[in-house]
Amino acid sequence: AGFGAGMGTMEATCGALVGVSIVAGLKTEGKGTMAHSRKLLLNF
């Protein structure tokens, strides 16, 4: 809920990218999530 309008009211990372990174962390149970988040960011 707090990540809409790019956390910080448009000042930071797009909420869609934050949301997908949260799901990635849950899916991977935190294992390798930073590397996945980096790939998600580059792809996005």
PDB file of all heavy atoms in Angstrom:
ATOM      1  N   ALA A   1       0.808  -1.230   0.000  1.00  0.00           N
ATOM      2  CA  ALA A   1       0.000   0.000   0.000  1.00  0.00           C
ATOM      3  C   ALA A   1       0.838   1.275   0.000  1.00  0.00           C
ATOM      4  O   ALA A   1       0.449   2.273  -0.601  1.00  0.00           O
ATOM      5  CB  ALA A   1      -0.958   0.000   1.198  1.00  0.00           C
ATOM      6  N   GLY A   2       1.985   1.278   0.637  1.00  0.00           N
ATOM      7  CA  GLY A   2       2.801   2.480   0.738  1.00  0.00           C
ATOM      8  C   GLY A   2       3.736   2.734  -0.427  1.00  0.00           C
ATOM      9  O   GLY A   2       4.519   3.683  -0.397  1.00  0.00           O
ATOM     10  N   PHE A   3       3.650   1.910  -1.456  1.00  0.00           N
ATOM     11  CA  PHE A   3       4.600   2.032  -2.559  1.00  0.00           C
ATOM     12  C   PHE A   3       3.988   2.560  -3.849  1.00  0.00           C
ATOM     13  O   PHE A   3       4.568   2.441  -4.916  1.00  0.00           O
ATOM     14  CB  PHE A   3       5.275   0.686  -2.820  1.00  0.00           C
ATOM     15  CG  PHE A   3       6.061   0.192  -1.643  1.00  0.00           C
ATOM     16  CD1 PHE A   3       5.567  -0.816  -0.843  1.00  0.00           C
ATOM     17  CD2 PHE A   3       7.278   0.765  -1.317  1.00  0.00           C
ATOM     18  CE1 PHE A   3       6.282  -1.269   0.256  1.00  0.00           C
ATOM     19  CE2 PHE A   3       7.997   0.326  -0.227  1.00  0.00           C
ATOM     20  CZ  PHE A   3       7.501  -0.696   0.564  1.00  0.00           C
ATOM     21  N   GLY A   4       2.817   3.161  -3.754  1.00  0.00           N
ATOM     22  CA  GLY A   4       2.209   3.765  -4.934  1.00  0.00           C
ATOM     23  C   GLY A   4       2.873   5.085  -5.248  1.00  0.00           C
ATOM     24  O   GLY A   4       3.545   5.676  -4.405  1.00  0.00           O
ATOM     25  N   ALA A   5       2.705   5.559  -6.442  1.00  0.00           N
ATOM     26  CA  ALA A   5       3.286   6.835  -6.896  1.00  0.00           C
ATOM     27  C   ALA A   5       4.786   6.865  -6.661  1.00  0.00           C
ATOM     28  O   ALA A   5       5.357   7.880  -6.303  1.00  0.00           O
ATOM     29  CB  ALA A   5       2.595   8.018  -6.225  1.00  0.00           C
ATOM     30  N   GLY A   6       5.425   5.750  -6.878  1.00  0.00           N
ATOM     31  CA  GLY A   6       6.874   5.685  -6.736  1.00  0.00           C
ATOM     32  C   GLY A   6       7.342   6.118  -5.373  1.00  0.00           C
ATOM     33  O   GLY A   6       7.764   7.235  -5.175  1.00  0.00           O
ATOM     34  N   MET A   7       7.188   5.277  -4.411  1.00  0.00           N
ATOM     35  CA  MET A   7       7.535   5.546  -3.012  1.00  0.00           C
ATOM     36  C   MET A   7       8.154   6.926  -2.815  1.00  0.00           C
ATOM     37  O   MET A   7       9.162   7.246  -3.415  1.00  0.00           O
ATOM     38  CB  MET A   7       8.496   4.482  -2.509  1.00  0.00           C
ATOM     39  CG  MET A   7       8.698   4.520  -1.020  1.00  0.00           C
ATOM     40  SD  MET A   7       9.661   3.105  -0.500  1.00  0.00           S
ATOM     41  CE  MET A   7      11.184   3.904  -0.104  1.00  0.00           C
ATOM     42  N   GLY A   8       7.542   7.722  -1.999  1.00  0.00           N
ATOM     43  CA  GLY A   8       8.018   9.082  -1.786  1.00  0.00           C
ATOM     44  C   GLY A   8       7.325  10.067  -2.696  1.00  0.00           C
ATOM     45  O   GLY A   8       7.830  11.143  -2.968  1.00  0.00           O
ATOM     46  N   THR A   9       6.170   9.699  -3.186  1.00  0.00           N
ATOM     47  CA  THR A   9       5.375  10.531  -4.082  1.00  0.00           C
ATOM     48  C   THR A   9       6.166  10.926  -5.325  1.00  0.00           C
ATOM     49  O   THR A   9       6.496  12.084  -5.539  1.00  0.00           O
ATOM     50  CB  THR A   9       4.816  11.760  -3.345  1.00  0.00           C
ATOM     51  OG1 THR A   9       4.350  11.348  -2.062  1.00  0.00           O
ATOM     52  CG2 THR A   9       3.662  12.366  -4.084  1.00  0.00           C
ATOM     53  N   MET A  10       6.471   9.945  -6.108  1.00  0.00           N
ATOM     54  CA  MET A  10       7.134  10.053  -7.408  1.00  0.00           C
ATOM     55  C   MET A  10       8.633  10.317  -7.337  1.00  0.00           C
ATOM     56  O   MET A  10       9.271  10.488  -8.358  1.00  0.00           O
ATOM     57  CB  MET A  10       6.464  11.096  -8.300  1.00  0.00           C
ATOM     58  CG  MET A  10       5.070  10.757  -8.668  1.00  0.00           C
ATOM     59  SD  MET A  10       4.487  11.854  -9.961  1.00  0.00           S
ATOM     60  CE  MET A  10       2.932  11.083 -10.320  1.00  0.00           C
ATOM     61  N   GLU A  11       9.205  10.320  -6.175  1.00  0.00           N
ATOM     62  CA  GLU A  11      10.625  10.626  -6.050  1.00  0.00           C
ATOM     63  C   GLU A  11      11.525   9.395  -6.165  1.00  0.00           C
ATOM     64  O   GLU A  11      12.725   9.540  -6.292  1.00  0.00           O
ATOM     65  CB  GLU A  11      10.899  11.316  -4.707  1.00  0.00           C
ATOM     66  CG  GLU A  11      10.360  12.722  -4.645  1.00  0.00           C
ATOM     67  CD  GLU A  11      11.025  13.655  -5.652  1.00  0.00           C
ATOM     68  OE1 GLU A  11      12.248  13.571  -5.869  1.00  0.00           O
ATOM     69  OE2 GLU A  11      10.289  14.466  -6.249  1.00  0.00           O
ATOM     70  N   ALA A  12      10.953   8.208  -6.095  1.00  0.00           N
ATOM     71  CA  ALA A  12      11.797   7.017  -6.044  1.00  0.00           C
ATOM     72  C   ALA A  12      11.318   5.963  -7.039  1.00  0.00           C
ATOM     73  O   ALA A  12      10.563   6.256  -7.961  1.00  0.00           O
ATOM     74  CB  ALA A  12      11.832   6.477  -4.623  1.00  0.00           C
ATOM     75  N   THR A  13      11.747   4.747  -6.822  1.00  0.00           N
ATOM     76  CA  THR A  13      11.483   3.632  -7.725  1.00  0.00           C
ATOM     77  C   THR A  13       9.993   3.443  -7.978  1.00  0.00           C
ATOM     78  O   THR A  13       9.180   3.514  -7.058  1.00  0.00           O
ATOM     79  CB  THR A  13      12.073   2.336  -7.130  1.00  0.00           C
ATOM     80  OG1 THR A  13      13.461   2.557  -6.882  1.00  0.00           O
ATOM     81  CG2 THR A  13      11.923   1.168  -8.068  1.00  0.00           C
ATOM     82  N   CYS A  14       9.653   3.185  -9.223  1.00  0.00           N
ATOM     83  CA  CYS A  14       8.275   2.926  -9.630  1.00  0.00           C
ATOM     84  C   CYS A  14       7.657   1.848  -8.749  1.00  0.00           C
ATOM     85  O   CYS A  14       8.275   0.817  -8.470  1.00  0.00           O
ATOM     86  CB  CYS A  14       8.279   2.472 -11.088  1.00  0.00           C
ATOM     87  SG  CYS A  14       6.695   1.857 -11.692  1.00  0.00           S
ATOM     88  N   GLY A  15       6.426   2.091  -8.327  1.00  0.00           N
ATOM     89  CA  GLY A  15       5.727   1.141  -7.476  1.00  0.00           C
ATOM     90  C   GLY A  15       5.572  -0.230  -8.117  1.00  0.00           C
ATOM     91  O   GLY A  15       5.628  -1.249  -7.431  1.00  0.00           O
ATOM     92  N   ALA A  16       5.360  -0.284  -9.422  1.00  0.00           N
ATOM     93  CA  ALA A  16       5.220  -1.573 -10.099  1.00  0.00           C
ATOM     94  C   ALA A  16       6.490  -2.405  -9.945  1.00  0.00           C
ATOM     95  O   ALA A  16       6.425  -3.615  -9.705  1.00  0.00           O
ATOM     96  CB  ALA A  16       4.898  -1.368 -11.576  1.00  0.00           C
ATOM     97  N   LEU A  17       7.627  -1.763 -10.030  1.00  0.00           N
ATOM     98  CA  LEU A  17       8.905  -2.456  -9.864  1.00  0.00           C
ATOM     99  C   LEU A  17       9.103  -2.890  -8.414  1.00  0.00           C
ATOM    100  O   LEU A  17       9.584  -3.992  -8.145  1.00  0.00           O
ATOM    101  CB  LEU A  17      10.053  -1.563 -10.339  1.00  0.00           C
ATOM    102  CG  LEU A  17      11.443  -2.156 -10.356  1.00  0.00           C
ATOM    103  CD1 LEU A  17      11.511  -3.458 -11.138  1.00  0.00           C
ATOM    104  CD2 LEU A  17      12.423  -1.150 -10.938  1.00  0.00           C
ATOM    105  N   VAL A  18       8.692  -2.060  -7.474  1.00  0.00           N
ATOM    106  CA  VAL A  18       8.762  -2.439  -6.055  1.00  0.00           C
ATOM    107  C   VAL A  18       7.862  -3.651  -5.802  1.00  0.00           C
ATOM    108  O   VAL A  18       8.272  -4.622  -5.157  1.00  0.00           O
ATOM    109  CB  VAL A  18       8.371  -1.261  -5.138  1.00  0.00           C
ATOM    110  CG1 VAL A  18       8.276  -1.711  -3.694  1.00  0.00           C
ATOM    111  CG2 VAL A  18       9.363  -0.125  -5.274  1.00  0.00           C
ATOM    112  N   GLY A  19       6.633  -3.596  -6.319  1.00  0.00           N
ATOM    113  CA  GLY A  19       5.694  -4.701  -6.118  1.00  0.00           C
ATOM    114  C   GLY A  19       6.208  -6.018  -6.653  1.00  0.00           C
ATOM    115  O   GLY A  19       6.124  -7.057  -5.988  1.00  0.00           O
ATOM    116  N   VAL A  20       6.785  -5.984  -7.841  1.00  0.00           N
ATOM    117  CA  VAL A  20       7.289  -7.224  -8.440  1.00  0.00           C
ATOM    118  C   VAL A  20       8.526  -7.727  -7.695  1.00  0.00           C
ATOM    119  O   VAL A  20       8.732  -8.934  -7.570  1.00  0.00           O
ATOM    120  CB  VAL A  20       7.518  -7.058  -9.964  1.00  0.00           C
ATOM    121  CG1 VAL A  20       8.802  -6.346 -10.290  1.00  0.00           C
ATOM    122  CG2 VAL A  20       7.443  -8.382 -10.676  1.00  0.00           C
ATOM    123  N   SER A  21       9.311  -6.819  -7.140  1.00  0.00           N
ATOM    124  CA  SER A  21      10.478  -7.237  -6.348  1.00  0.00           C
ATOM    125  C   SER A  21      10.048  -7.888  -5.039  1.00  0.00           C
ATOM    126  O   SER A  21      10.680  -8.844  -4.581  1.00  0.00           O
ATOM    127  CB  SER A  21      11.387  -6.044  -6.076  1.00  0.00           C
ATOM    128  OG  SER A  21      11.944  -5.580  -7.288  1.00  0.00           O
ATOM    129  N   ILE A  22       8.969  -7.391  -4.452  1.00  0.00           N
ATOM    130  CA  ILE A  22       8.432  -8.013  -3.234  1.00  0.00           C
ATOM    131  C   ILE A  22       7.958  -9.430  -3.549  1.00  0.00           C
ATOM    132  O   ILE A  22       8.266 -10.378  -2.810  1.00  0.00           O
ATOM    133  CB  ILE A  22       7.295  -7.151  -2.639  1.00  0.00           C
ATOM    134  CG1 ILE A  22       7.883  -5.877  -2.032  1.00  0.00           C
ATOM    135  CG2 ILE A  22       6.488  -7.937  -1.608  1.00  0.00           C
ATOM    136  CD1 ILE A  22       6.874  -4.829  -1.642  1.00  0.00           C
ATOM    137  N   VAL A  23       7.244  -9.600  -4.635  1.00  0.00           N
ATOM    138  CA  VAL A  23       6.784 -10.932  -5.030  1.00  0.00           C
ATOM    139  C   VAL A  23       7.983 -11.843  -5.302  1.00  0.00           C
ATOM    140  O   VAL A  23       7.991 -13.014  -4.898  1.00  0.00           O
ATOM    141  CB  VAL A  23       5.842 -10.866  -6.249  1.00  0.00           C
ATOM    142  CG1 VAL A  23       5.535 -12.262  -6.794  1.00  0.00           C
ATOM    143  CG2 VAL A  23       4.548 -10.151  -5.869  1.00  0.00           C
ATOM    144  N   ALA A  24       9.013 -11.328  -5.946  1.00  0.00           N
ATOM    145  CA  ALA A  24      10.217 -12.129  -6.214  1.00  0.00           C
ATOM    146  C   ALA A  24      10.848 -12.597  -4.905  1.00  0.00           C
ATOM    147  O   ALA A  24      11.269 -13.754  -4.799  1.00  0.00           O
ATOM    148  CB  ALA A  24      11.221 -11.324  -7.034  1.00  0.00           C
ATOM    149  N   GLY A  25      10.907 -11.715  -3.922  1.00  0.00           N
ATOM    150  CA  GLY A  25      11.459 -12.104  -2.622  1.00  0.00           C
ATOM    151  C   GLY A  25      10.650 -13.196  -1.958  1.00  0.00           C
ATOM    152  O   GLY A  25      11.210 -14.131  -1.361  1.00  0.00           O
ATOM    153  N   LEU A  26       9.338 -13.101  -2.064  1.00  0.00           N
ATOM    154  CA  LEU A  26       8.476 -14.134  -1.494  1.00  0.00           C
ATOM    155  C   LEU A  26       8.621 -15.450  -2.253  1.00  0.00           C
ATOM    156  O   LEU A  26       8.696 -16.524  -1.655  1.00  0.00           O
ATOM    157  CB  LEU A  26       7.017 -13.666  -1.501  1.00  0.00           C
ATOM    158  CG  LEU A  26       6.704 -12.512  -0.557  1.00  0.00           C
ATOM    159  CD1 LEU A  26       5.338 -11.912  -0.889  1.00  0.00           C
ATOM    160  CD2 LEU A  26       6.765 -12.960   0.892  1.00  0.00           C
ATOM    161  N   LYS A  27       8.676 -15.363  -3.573  1.00  0.00           N
ATOM    162  CA  LYS A  27       8.789 -16.559  -4.410  1.00  0.00           C
ATOM    163  C   LYS A  27      10.109 -17.293  -4.166  1.00  0.00           C
ATOM    164  O   LYS A  27      10.145 -18.516  -4.100  1.00  0.00           O
ATOM    165  CB  LYS A  27       8.685 -16.155  -5.888  1.00  0.00           C
ATOM    166  CG  LYS A  27       8.915 -17.260  -6.884  1.00  0.00           C
ATOM    167  CD  LYS A  27       7.745 -18.165  -6.999  1.00  0.00           C
ATOM    168  CE  LYS A  27       7.957 -19.162  -8.136  1.00  0.00           C
ATOM    169  NZ  LYS A  27       6.805 -19.990  -8.346  1.00  0.00           N
ATOM    170  N   THR A  28      11.188 -16.543  -4.015  1.00  0.00           N
ATOM    171  CA  THR A  28      12.509 -17.151  -3.840  1.00  0.00           C
ATOM    172  C   THR A  28      12.862 -17.377  -2.375  1.00  0.00           C
ATOM    173  O   THR A  28      13.954 -17.857  -2.081  1.00  0.00           O
ATOM    174  CB  THR A  28      13.602 -16.268  -4.472  1.00  0.00           C
ATOM    175  OG1 THR A  28      13.628 -15.005  -3.792  1.00  0.00           O
ATOM    176  CG2 THR A  28      13.376 -16.074  -5.961  1.00  0.00           C
ATOM    177  N   GLU A  29      11.933 -17.011  -1.483  1.00  0.00           N
ATOM    178  CA  GLU A  29      12.163 -17.114  -0.045  1.00  0.00           C
ATOM    179  C   GLU A  29      13.450 -16.398   0.357  1.00  0.00           C
ATOM    180  O   GLU A  29      14.185 -16.836   1.234  1.00  0.00           O
ATOM    181  CB  GLU A  29      12.161 -18.570   0.408  1.00  0.00           C
ATOM    182  CG  GLU A  29      10.830 -19.250   0.171  1.00  0.00           C
ATOM    183  CD  GLU A  29      10.775 -20.699   0.598  1.00  0.00           C
ATOM    184  OE1 GLU A  29      11.840 -21.331   0.787  1.00  0.00           O
ATOM    185  OE2 GLU A  29       9.648 -21.197   0.740  1.00  0.00           O
ATOM    186  N   GLY A  30      13.733 -15.305  -0.331  1.00  0.00           N
ATOM    187  CA  GLY A  30      14.897 -14.485  -0.010  1.00  0.00           C
ATOM    188  C   GLY A  30      16.221 -15.009  -0.524  1.00  0.00           C
ATOM    189  O   GLY A  30      17.250 -14.374  -0.324  1.00  0.00           O
ATOM    190  N   LYS A  31      16.219 -16.129  -1.194  1.00  0.00           N
ATOM    191  CA  LYS A  31      17.465 -16.723  -1.697  1.00  0.00           C
ATOM    192  C   LYS A  31      17.763 -16.173  -3.091  1.00  0.00           C
ATOM    193  O   LYS A  31      17.050 -16.461  -4.040  1.00  0.00           O
ATOM    194  CB  LYS A  31      17.350 -18.238  -1.721  1.00  0.00           C
ATOM    195  CG  LYS A  31      17.193 -18.838  -0.339  1.00  0.00           C
ATOM    196  CD  LYS A  31      16.938 -20.325  -0.417  1.00  0.00           C
ATOM    197  CE  LYS A  31      16.761 -20.927   0.949  1.00  0.00           C
ATOM    198  NZ  LYS A  31      15.442 -20.676   1.523  1.00  0.00           N
ATOM    199  N   GLY A  32      18.807 -15.375  -3.195  1.00  0.00           N
ATOM    200  CA  GLY A  32      19.192 -14.807  -4.477  1.00  0.00           C
ATOM    201  C   GLY A  32      18.306 -13.658  -4.926  1.00  0.00           C
ATOM    202  O   GLY A  32      18.365 -13.243  -6.087  1.00  0.00           O
ATOM    203  N   THR A  33      17.509 -13.141  -4.011  1.00  0.00           N
ATOM    204  CA  THR A  33      16.541 -12.120  -4.391  1.00  0.00           C
ATOM    205  C   THR A  33      17.203 -10.839  -4.869  1.00  0.00           C
ATOM    206  O   THR A  33      16.701 -10.187  -5.792  1.00  0.00           O
ATOM    207  CB  THR A  33      15.577 -11.820  -3.227  1.00  0.00           C
ATOM    208  OG1 THR A  33      14.997 -13.054  -2.793  1.00  0.00           O
ATOM    209  CG2 THR A  33      14.472 -10.882  -3.661  1.00  0.00           C
ATOM    210  N   MET A  34      18.326 -10.467  -4.293  1.00  0.00           N
ATOM    211  CA  MET A  34      18.992  -9.236  -4.744  1.00  0.00           C
ATOM    212  C   MET A  34      19.406  -9.337  -6.202  1.00  0.00           C
ATOM    213  O   MET A  34      19.229  -8.394  -6.968  1.00  0.00           O
ATOM    214  CB  MET A  34      20.179  -8.903  -3.844  1.00  0.00           C
ATOM    215  CG  MET A  34      19.726  -8.392  -2.483  1.00  0.00           C
ATOM    216  SD  MET A  34      21.064  -7.876  -1.417  1.00  0.00           S
ATOM    217  CE  MET A  34      21.721  -6.497  -2.314  1.00  0.00           C
ATOM    218  N   ALA A  35      19.923 -10.478  -6.600  1.00  0.00           N
ATOM    219  CA  ALA A  35      20.307 -10.670  -8.003  1.00  0.00           C
ATOM    220  C   ALA A  35      19.070 -10.642  -8.895  1.00  0.00           C
ATOM    221  O   ALA A  35      19.083 -10.039  -9.980  1.00  0.00           O
ATOM    222  CB  ALA A  35      21.061 -11.984  -8.178  1.00  0.00           C
ATOM    223  N   HIS A  36      17.992 -11.271  -8.446  1.00  0.00           N
ATOM    224  CA  HIS A  36      16.745 -11.233  -9.219  1.00  0.00           C
ATOM    225  C   HIS A  36      16.227  -9.809  -9.325  1.00  0.00           C
ATOM    226  O   HIS A  36      15.771  -9.380 -10.388  1.00  0.00           O
ATOM    227  CB  HIS A  36      15.680 -12.124  -8.584  1.00  0.00           C
ATOM    228  CG  HIS A  36      15.933 -13.578  -8.739  1.00  0.00           C
ATOM    229  ND1 HIS A  36      16.039 -14.198  -9.959  1.00  0.00           N
ATOM    230  CD2 HIS A  36      16.097 -14.551  -7.817  1.00  0.00           C
ATOM    231  CE1 HIS A  36      16.256 -15.484  -9.786  1.00  0.00           C
ATOM    232  NE2 HIS A  36      16.302 -15.726  -8.494  1.00  0.00           N
ATOM    233  N   SER A  37      16.294  -9.069  -8.227  1.00  0.00           N
ATOM    234  CA  SER A  37      15.806  -7.679  -8.244  1.00  0.00           C
ATOM    235  C   SER A  37      16.604  -6.839  -9.231  1.00  0.00           C
ATOM    236  O   SER A  37      16.047  -5.994  -9.926  1.00  0.00           O
ATOM    237  CB  SER A  37      15.869  -7.067  -6.847  1.00  0.00           C
ATOM    238  OG  SER A  37      14.906  -7.654  -6.017  1.00  0.00           O
ATOM    239  N   ARG A  38      17.885  -7.063  -9.290  1.00  0.00           N
ATOM    240  CA  ARG A  38      18.727  -6.339 -10.246  1.00  0.00           C
ATOM    241  C   ARG A  38      18.301  -6.655 -11.682  1.00  0.00           C
ATOM    242  O   ARG A  38      18.170  -5.766 -12.524  1.00  0.00           O
ATOM    243  CB  ARG A  38      20.202  -6.696 -10.023  1.00  0.00           C
ATOM    244  CG  ARG A  38      21.154  -6.077 -11.008  1.00  0.00           C
ATOM    245  CD  ARG A  38      21.352  -4.623 -10.744  1.00  0.00           C
ATOM    246  NE  ARG A  38      22.346  -4.091 -11.672  1.00  0.00           N
ATOM    247  CZ  ARG A  38      22.422  -2.836 -11.988  1.00  0.00           C
ATOM    248  NH1 ARG A  38      21.618  -1.960 -11.439  1.00  0.00           N
ATOM    249  NH2 ARG A  38      23.331  -2.417 -12.833  1.00  0.00           N
ATOM    250  N   LYS A  39      18.073  -7.934 -11.960  1.00  0.00           N
ATOM    251  CA  LYS A  39      17.639  -8.337 -13.301  1.00  0.00           C
ATOM    252  C   LYS A  39      16.260  -7.764 -13.620  1.00  0.00           C
ATOM    253  O   LYS A  39      16.009  -7.333 -14.749  1.00  0.00           O
ATOM    254  CB  LYS A  39      17.633  -9.860 -13.424  1.00  0.00           C
ATOM    255  CG  LYS A  39      19.022 -10.460 -13.440  1.00  0.00           C
ATOM    256  CD  LYS A  39      18.965 -11.961 -13.488  1.00  0.00           C
ATOM    257  CE  LYS A  39      20.356 -12.560 -13.427  1.00  0.00           C
ATOM    258  NZ  LYS A  39      20.321 -14.033 -13.404  1.00  0.00           N
ATOM    259  N   LEU A  40      15.372  -7.762 -12.630  1.00  0.00           N
ATOM    260  CA  LEU A  40      14.049  -7.169 -12.826  1.00  0.00           C
ATOM    261  C   LEU A  40      14.172  -5.690 -13.154  1.00  0.00           C
ATOM    262  O   LEU A  40      13.510  -5.183 -14.058  1.00  0.00           O
ATOM    263  CB  LEU A  40      13.186  -7.367 -11.580  1.00  0.00           C
ATOM    264  CG  LEU A  40      12.670  -8.773 -11.338  1.00  0.00           C
ATOM    265  CD1 LEU A  40      12.124  -8.903  -9.928  1.00  0.00           C
ATOM    266  CD2 LEU A  40      11.630  -9.152 -12.374  1.00  0.00           C
ATOM    267  N   LEU A  41      15.026  -4.997 -12.411  1.00  0.00           N
ATOM    268  CA  LEU A  41      15.228  -3.562 -12.635  1.00  0.00           C
ATOM    269  C   LEU A  41      15.753  -3.305 -14.044  1.00  0.00           C
ATOM    270  O   LEU A  41      15.239  -2.428 -14.744  1.00  0.00           O
ATOM    271  CB  LEU A  41      16.202  -3.013 -11.591  1.00  0.00           C
ATOM    272  CG  LEU A  41      16.500  -1.534 -11.705  1.00  0.00           C
ATOM    273  CD1 LEU A  41      16.499  -0.893 -10.320  1.00  0.00           C
ATOM    274  CD2 LEU A  41      17.823  -1.291 -12.396  1.00  0.00           C
ATOM    275  N   LEU A  42      16.739  -4.057 -14.473  1.00  0.00           N
ATOM    276  CA  LEU A  42      17.312  -3.855 -15.806  1.00  0.00           C
ATOM    277  C   LEU A  42      16.297  -4.178 -16.900  1.00  0.00           C
ATOM    278  O   LEU A  42      16.187  -3.444 -17.890  1.00  0.00           O
ATOM    279  CB  LEU A  42      18.579  -4.694 -15.970  1.00  0.00           C
ATOM    280  CG  LEU A  42      19.755  -4.283 -15.085  1.00  0.00           C
ATOM    281  CD1 LEU A  42      20.888  -5.296 -15.198  1.00  0.00           C
ATOM    282  CD2 LEU A  42      20.233  -2.879 -15.411  1.00  0.00           C
ATOM    283  N   ASN A  43      15.548  -5.250 -16.722  1.00  0.00           N
ATOM    284  CA  ASN A  43      14.522  -5.632 -17.689  1.00  0.00           C
ATOM    285  C   ASN A  43      13.444  -4.549 -17.762  1.00  0.00           C
ATOM    286  O   ASN A  43      13.062  -4.115 -18.849  1.00  0.00           O
ATOM    287  CB  ASN A  43      13.920  -6.983 -17.276  1.00  0.00           C
ATOM    288  CG  ASN A  43      12.959  -7.562 -18.292  1.00  0.00           C
ATOM    289  OD1 ASN A  43      12.053  -6.891 -18.768  1.00  0.00           O
ATOM    290  ND2 ASN A  43      13.138  -8.836 -18.600  1.00  0.00           N
ATOM    291  N   PHE A  44      12.987  -4.087 -16.606  1.00  0.00           N
ATOM    292  CA  PHE A  44      11.968  -3.043 -16.540  1.00  0.00           C
ATOM    293  C   PHE A  44      12.475  -1.754 -17.186  1.00  0.00           C
ATOM    294  O   PHE A  44      11.758  -1.120 -17.965  1.00  0.00           O
ATOM    295  CB  PHE A  44      11.589  -2.808 -15.070  1.00  0.00           C
ATOM    296  CG  PHE A  44      10.501  -1.800 -14.865  1.00  0.00           C
ATOM    297  CD1 PHE A  44       9.178  -2.196 -14.873  1.00  0.00           C
ATOM    298  CD2 PHE A  44      10.796  -0.469 -14.636  1.00  0.00           C
ATOM    299  CE1 PHE A  44       8.156  -1.273 -14.661  1.00  0.00           C
ATOM    300  CE2 PHE A  44       9.800   0.460 -14.426  1.00  0.00           C
ATOM    301  CZ  PHE A  44       8.469   0.058 -14.445  1.00  0.00           C
TER     302      PHE A  44
END
